[in-house]
Amino acid sequence: MHNIPIRSLPESNQEPSLVGSFSIRSLETILDGGDMVEELHRHDFFLMLILIKAKGLHEIDFVPYEVDPNSIFLLRPGQVHKLSLKHGSTGYLVQFKKAYFLTHNKSSKQLLRKVCNQNHYPLNADIFKKLDPILSSILLEYNGKQEEFHEVIKANLSILFIELLRQRESTGANNINAPYQQEKLEKFLELLEENITKYKQVSQYADLLNLTVYQLNAITKALLNQNASQLINEYIILEAKRNLLATSNQVSQIAYHLGYEDVSYFIRFFKKHTGYTPDAYRHNFN
C-alpha cells in the first residue's frame, strides 16, 4: 500500500538535546525568483505560511483558498494540502513539531489546539503591522542562535497565536460564549484527526473526553449544528478522499487502512456520503 507522501523536519545533529524541531525561512529565499508548485502531500509537523505579498492557490483538505496578501495559513500534522505561489511572493514559512512548542508552558497545548482549529486567517494591513515585528524577532533569534534563543522563539510564537485568536474573536469567527463547550469540541476534533482509522463510535470518543454520548452530541449540536456521528462520518470521508487523490492505492487497501474489513460496505458508505463510488470519485477529481 502506498501512503500519502509525508514530509518531516530533519533532526538537528548540532542540537541533540533539543526536544522537537523548528525552522523559519523567508519566502524570498525559498522561491529564489521562481514559482513554487507543490503537489498533494502531508506533514508530520505544524506548518504556518505567513503571506505579506502573495498570489497563488492553496488547497487544504480539498478546500481551495485564494492566496491573498496579509494572510496566514496554519496546518496541523496529517492534513493534506497542495500549494502554488507566484514569484515575488513575500513572507515566512514556519515549521515546528508539536513537542517543540508544548515545552513552553502549561497552557501551550490548549493555545495550539485553539489556534489550529482554523486553517486560514485573512488579516488586514494594520493587524499585519502588529505581527511583523514578532515574526522578524523569531527569524532573528533563529538565525542568531544566542543563549536561550528557543525560549524566546516559543514566547514569540505564543504571542503570535494569541493575536490570531484575538482577531478571530473580534470578527465573530470564534464562539466565546461557552468556553467549556468550545474546549471539549476542540479536543473532540483533535481526537478525530488522530484516531479516525481506529475509532468510529460516538461512545468511544465520549469516553475519551469523560462525557456521556448525550453530552457530546449536545456540544456538537450547539456549536456546529451537527451531531457527533455526522462529524465522525465527515472525518472518515475526508481521510478516504485524501488517500484516493494523493495515492494510487486500491480501494480495498484504503478500506482496510480506514479500519473496514468489508470493502463493499465501505464503498456503499462512501457513495452514500459523496454521491460517488471511490473509483468514480478518484476518476472525476484527480
Foldseek 3Di string as FASTA:
>chain_A
DDDFAEDEDDDDPVCVVQWWDKDKDKVCVVQVQFKDWFDKHFYQWKKKWAWACWFWWKAKLNRIDTDHHQKMFIAGGPIIMIIIIGGPIIDMMMIIHPRLLCVQDPCSVVLVLVLNVDGMQRDDPVLVVVLVVLVVLLNCLVVVVDPPSSNSNSVSVSVVSVSSVVVCVVVVVDDPPDVVLSSLVSVLVVCLSVDQLPDLDLCVSCVVSVHHQVVQQVSCCVPPVDGPNVVSLVSLLSQLVSPLARHPDDQCVSCVSSPHPDSVVVQVSNCVVPVDGSVRCSVVPD
